[in-house]
Protein backbone atom coordinates (compact mmCIF):
# COMPACT_ATOMS: atom_id res chain seq x y z
CA MET A 1 33.91 20.01 8.45
CA CYS A 2 34.18 23.81 8.38
CA VAL A 3 33.38 23.77 4.61
CA ILE A 4 30.24 21.64 5.27
CA LYS A 5 29.04 24.02 7.99
CA LYS A 6 29.69 27.00 5.73
CA TYR A 7 27.69 25.34 2.90
CA LEU A 8 24.75 24.53 5.22
CA LYS A 9 24.53 28.15 6.25
CA SER A 10 24.70 29.41 2.74
CA GLY A 11 21.89 30.56 0.50
CA SER A 12 22.71 27.74 -1.96
CA ALA A 13 21.80 25.04 0.66
CA ASN A 14 18.48 26.78 1.36
CA GLU A 15 17.76 27.07 -2.33
CA GLU A 16 18.37 23.37 -2.85
CA ILE A 17 16.10 22.41 0.11
CA ALA A 18 13.34 24.69 -1.25
CA LYS A 19 13.75 23.22 -4.71
CA SER A 20 13.47 19.70 -3.34
CA VAL A 21 10.21 20.46 -1.48
CA GLY A 22 8.91 22.32 -4.54
CA ASN A 23 9.70 19.30 -6.79
CA ALA A 24 7.96 16.90 -4.34
CA ILE A 25 4.81 19.07 -4.16
CA GLY A 26 4.74 19.24 -7.96
CA ILE A 27 5.01 15.45 -8.21
CA MET A 28 2.01 14.95 -6.02
CA ASN A 29 -0.13 17.00 -8.37
CA LYS A 30 0.92 14.96 -11.44
CA ASP A 31 -0.73 11.84 -12.89
CA PRO A 32 0.89 8.55 -11.74
CA VAL A 33 2.88 8.04 -14.93
CA SER A 34 4.43 11.50 -14.91
CA ALA A 35 5.06 11.29 -11.19
CA ILE A 36 7.21 8.18 -11.27
CA LYS A 37 9.13 9.47 -14.35
CA ALA A 38 9.89 12.70 -12.44
CA VAL A 39 11.13 10.80 -9.37
CA ASN A 40 13.33 8.53 -11.60
CA GLN A 41 14.92 11.65 -13.15
CA LEU A 42 15.53 13.20 -9.75
CA LEU A 43 17.15 10.03 -8.47
CA HIS A 44 19.87 10.35 -11.12
CA LEU A 45 20.72 13.99 -10.39
CA PRO A 46 23.66 14.93 -8.19
CA SER A 47 22.38 15.69 -4.67
CA THR A 48 23.16 15.57 -1.02
CA ILE A 49 22.83 12.30 0.91
CA ARG A 50 19.61 13.58 2.52
CA ASP A 51 18.10 14.38 -0.88
CA GLY A 52 19.01 10.96 -2.13
CA ILE A 53 17.28 9.25 0.84
CA LEU A 54 14.18 11.42 0.39
CA TRP A 55 13.80 10.59 -3.28
CA GLU A 56 14.47 6.87 -2.67
CA ASN A 57 11.72 6.90 -0.07
CA PHE A 58 9.48 8.90 -2.41
CA SER A 59 10.07 6.36 -5.20
CA VAL A 60 9.19 3.41 -2.91
CA TYR A 61 6.11 5.27 -1.67
CA LEU A 62 4.79 5.99 -5.16
CA ARG A 63 5.49 2.51 -6.50
CA HIS A 64 3.57 0.91 -3.60
CA ILE A 65 0.61 3.20 -4.06
CA PHE A 66 0.10 2.61 -7.80
CA ASP A 67 1.86 -0.76 -8.36
CA TYR A 68 3.66 0.12 -11.57
CA ASP A 69 4.40 -2.40 -14.35
CA GLU A 70 7.65 -2.74 -16.35
CA ASN A 71 6.63 0.21 -18.54
CA ASP A 72 5.99 2.46 -15.50
CA GLU A 73 2.26 2.30 -16.13
CA PRO A 74 0.12 2.18 -12.89
CA ARG A 75 -2.05 -0.96 -12.47
CA ARG A 76 -4.23 0.40 -9.73
CA LYS A 77 -7.20 2.73 -10.06
CA TYR A 78 -8.63 4.61 -7.10
CA LYS A 79 -11.75 6.57 -6.36
CA LYS A 80 -9.70 9.79 -6.21
CA SER A 81 -6.24 10.97 -7.23
CA LEU A 82 -3.47 11.82 -4.86
CA SER A 83 -3.86 15.54 -5.65
CA GLU A 84 -7.64 15.23 -4.92
CA LEU A 85 -6.85 13.55 -1.58
CA LEU A 86 -4.78 16.53 -0.57
CA ALA A 87 -7.06 19.05 -2.28
CA ASN A 88 -8.41 20.54 1.01
CA GLN A 89 -5.53 22.94 0.87
CA ILE A 90 -3.79 22.34 -2.44
CA PRO A 91 -4.75 24.21 -5.66
CA ASN A 92 -5.45 21.85 -8.51
CA GLU A 93 -6.16 23.33 -12.00
CA GLU A 94 -7.40 20.05 -13.53
CA ALA A 95 -9.87 19.52 -10.66
CA GLY A 96 -10.99 23.16 -10.94
CA TYR A 97 -10.01 23.76 -7.31
CA GLU A 98 -8.22 27.04 -6.51
CA GLY A 99 -7.22 26.12 -2.96
CA LYS A 100 -7.00 28.29 0.11
CA PRO A 101 -4.49 31.10 -0.41
CA LYS A 102 -3.44 31.13 3.20
CA ASP A 103 -2.84 27.41 3.48
CA LEU A 104 -1.47 26.43 0.10
CA CYS A 105 0.21 22.98 -0.03
CA GLU A 106 0.03 22.38 3.69
CA ASN A 107 -1.11 18.78 3.39
CA ALA A 108 1.49 18.05 0.71
CA LYS A 109 4.24 19.52 2.88
CA ARG A 110 3.09 17.38 5.80
CA LEU A 111 3.32 14.26 3.67
CA ILE A 112 6.78 15.22 2.30
CA LYS A 113 8.04 15.82 5.87
CA LEU A 114 6.87 12.35 6.81
CA LEU A 115 8.75 10.82 3.89
CA ASP A 116 11.81 12.94 4.63
CA GLU A 117 11.88 11.63 8.19
CA THR A 118 11.25 8.01 7.26
CA GLY A 119 13.84 5.88 8.99
CA THR A 120 13.35 2.74 6.91
CA ILE A 121 12.10 1.80 3.46
CA GLN A 122 9.38 -0.32 5.14
CA LYS A 123 7.87 2.78 6.72
CA SER A 124 7.46 4.26 3.23
CA VAL A 125 5.48 1.10 2.35
CA TYR A 126 3.27 1.61 5.47
CA TYR A 127 2.65 5.30 4.45
CA ALA A 128 1.77 4.09 0.94
CA ASN A 129 -0.75 1.53 2.42
CA LEU A 130 -2.43 4.27 4.42
CA THR A 131 -2.56 6.48 1.33
CA ARG A 132 -4.27 3.71 -0.65
CA ALA A 133 -6.86 3.34 2.10
CA ALA A 134 -7.43 7.10 2.03
CA LEU A 135 -7.70 7.12 -1.81
CA ASN A 136 -10.33 4.45 -1.54
CA ASP A 137 -12.25 6.49 1.06
CA GLU A 138 -11.72 3.84 3.71
CA ILE A 139 -10.22 6.43 6.07
CA THR A 140 -10.40 10.22 6.18
CA VAL A 141 -7.51 12.58 5.59
CA GLY A 142 -7.52 13.35 9.31
CA LYS A 143 -7.36 9.69 10.22
CA PHE A 144 -4.59 9.23 7.58
CA PHE A 145 -2.31 11.78 9.22
CA LYS A 146 -3.05 10.48 12.75
CA LEU A 147 -2.06 6.94 11.71
CA CYS A 148 1.02 8.27 9.85
CA ASN A 149 2.06 9.98 13.05
CA CYS A 150 2.02 6.60 14.84
CA ILE A 151 4.38 5.15 12.23
CA ARG A 152 6.70 8.16 12.38
CA ASN A 153 7.06 8.01 16.18
CA ILE A 154 7.49 4.27 16.67
CA ILE A 155 10.67 2.45 15.60
CA GLU A 156 10.52 -0.32 13.03
CA GLU A 157 11.19 -3.07 15.55
CA ASP A 158 8.26 -1.99 17.76
CA LEU A 159 5.94 -1.87 14.73
CA GLU A 160 6.91 -5.45 13.93
CA PHE A 161 6.24 -6.38 17.57
CA LEU A 162 2.86 -4.68 17.36
CA ILE A 163 1.82 -6.67 14.28
CA CYS A 164 2.40 -9.95 16.06
CA ASP A 165 1.28 -8.94 19.55
CA ILE A 166 -2.02 -7.22 18.71
CA GLN A 167 -3.18 -10.28 16.75
CA SER A 168 -2.45 -12.58 19.71
CA GLN A 169 -4.02 -10.30 22.30
CA VAL A 170 -7.02 -8.94 20.41
CA GLU A 171 -9.54 -8.27 23.25
CA LYS A 172 -7.33 -9.68 26.05
CA THR A 173 -5.97 -7.52 28.86
CA ILE A 174 -2.24 -6.91 28.86
CA THR A 175 -1.05 -7.52 32.38
CA ASP A 176 2.71 -7.94 32.03
CA ASP A 177 5.13 -5.02 31.87
CA ARG A 178 6.52 -4.27 28.36
CA GLU A 179 9.09 -1.87 27.00
CA ALA A 180 6.84 -0.74 24.21
CA ILE A 181 3.81 0.19 26.41
CA ASP A 182 4.97 3.79 27.02
CA ASP A 183 5.79 4.31 23.34
CA PHE A 184 2.38 2.93 22.25
CA ARG A 185 0.55 4.98 24.84
CA SER A 186 2.19 8.18 23.64
CA VAL A 187 0.53 7.86 20.21
CA GLY A 188 -2.81 6.46 21.38
CA LEU A 189 -2.25 2.73 20.48
CA ILE A 190 -2.67 1.41 24.08
CA LYS A 191 -4.90 2.58 26.91
CA GLU A 192 -5.20 1.75 30.60
CA VAL A 193 -8.18 -0.55 31.38
CA ASP A 194 -9.37 -2.46 34.37
CA GLY A 195 -6.53 -4.85 35.35
CA GLY A 196 -3.91 -3.56 32.95
CA PHE A 197 -3.69 -2.26 29.34
CA ALA A 198 -5.49 -2.94 26.04
CA TYR A 199 -5.03 -1.98 22.42
CA THR A 200 -7.20 0.89 21.18
CA LEU A 201 -9.34 1.18 18.09
CA ARG A 202 -6.58 3.27 16.53
CA ALA A 203 -4.12 0.38 16.97
CA PHE A 204 -6.40 -1.94 15.06
CA GLU A 205 -6.97 0.68 12.32
CA LEU A 206 -3.19 1.09 12.02
CA LEU A 207 -2.86 -2.68 11.61
CA LYS A 208 -5.72 -2.95 9.05
CA TYR A 209 -4.99 0.08 6.88
CA GLY A 210 -1.25 0.58 7.35
CA LEU A 211 0.76 -2.38 8.51
CA MET A 212 -1.22 -5.24 6.88
CA TYR A 213 -3.36 -3.45 4.30
CA GLU A 214 -3.62 -6.28 1.75
CA GLN A 215 -4.17 -9.02 4.35
CA TYR A 216 -7.27 -10.13 6.18
CA VAL A 217 -7.61 -8.08 9.35
CA ILE A 218 -10.75 -7.77 11.51
CA ILE A 219 -11.32 -4.92 13.85
CA PRO A 220 -12.97 -6.28 17.05
CA ASN A 221 -16.66 -5.38 17.60
CA THR A 222 -15.90 -4.45 21.18
CA ILE A 223 -12.92 -2.47 22.52
CA GLN A 224 -12.25 -2.46 26.25
CA GLU A 225 -13.29 0.72 28.01
CA ARG A 226 -10.60 3.11 29.24
CA ILE A 227 -10.32 3.65 33.00
CA ILE A 228 -11.42 7.23 33.75
CA THR A 229 -9.71 8.70 36.74
CA GLY A 230 -10.58 11.93 38.52
CA SER A 231 -11.25 13.54 41.87
CA ILE A 232 -13.99 12.15 44.14
CA PRO A 233 -16.69 14.58 45.13
CA SER A 234 -16.85 15.33 48.93
CA THR A 235 -20.48 14.17 48.97
CA ASP A 236 -19.44 10.70 47.81
CA ILE A 237 -16.69 10.58 50.46
CA ASN A 238 -19.25 11.45 53.16
CA LYS A 239 -21.44 8.63 51.97
CA LEU A 240 -18.67 6.13 52.66
CA PHE A 241 -18.87 7.02 56.34
């Protein structure tokens, strides 16, 4: 145990972490064929357990974005590349984009951190689904990260419950007490309405673009209004009497 602690505090550990992040950022700027080959090479290199989990999640993520065939050739074509999607802050020589010097690679690092913290392989698939929606201009980069945040902060079992429950509830009011309500409210998936709770537009967007991307999902035309609470003006109180 002492040896492990000593290693984690050493410069070697920090160098390996920096190298892993650098490799991941580099992969995002490659074409799909080069990207999957790079990940396959990294998966076979000696590494820590955490590195192994990261690259496994990264591999699942890439393979579900591009749907590779047996020759590692991507079948899917998108309106923009992954590097273009993150090009708000990432320099890209091929796209002729120099980037913002003060914010280089911020979006790429945000995405890598999400994959590094992925608790299950299925969550990597959800992130890939959201990426595909963003690459097809169905959601914005901002919306992409907001929905990714929902996946990161909700356990797999609650995401599975959400998939079933939101489709049965749709526009109905939730009146019973549920364990997941507080967790869903913390990331904006449920709001308080008249008589109970209801799923938000963000919840339906998460279902459509992340959890069930290739399936038929309809976002309701009307979403129940949130209850707005606040102080009552003294003039209104006087009117009551």
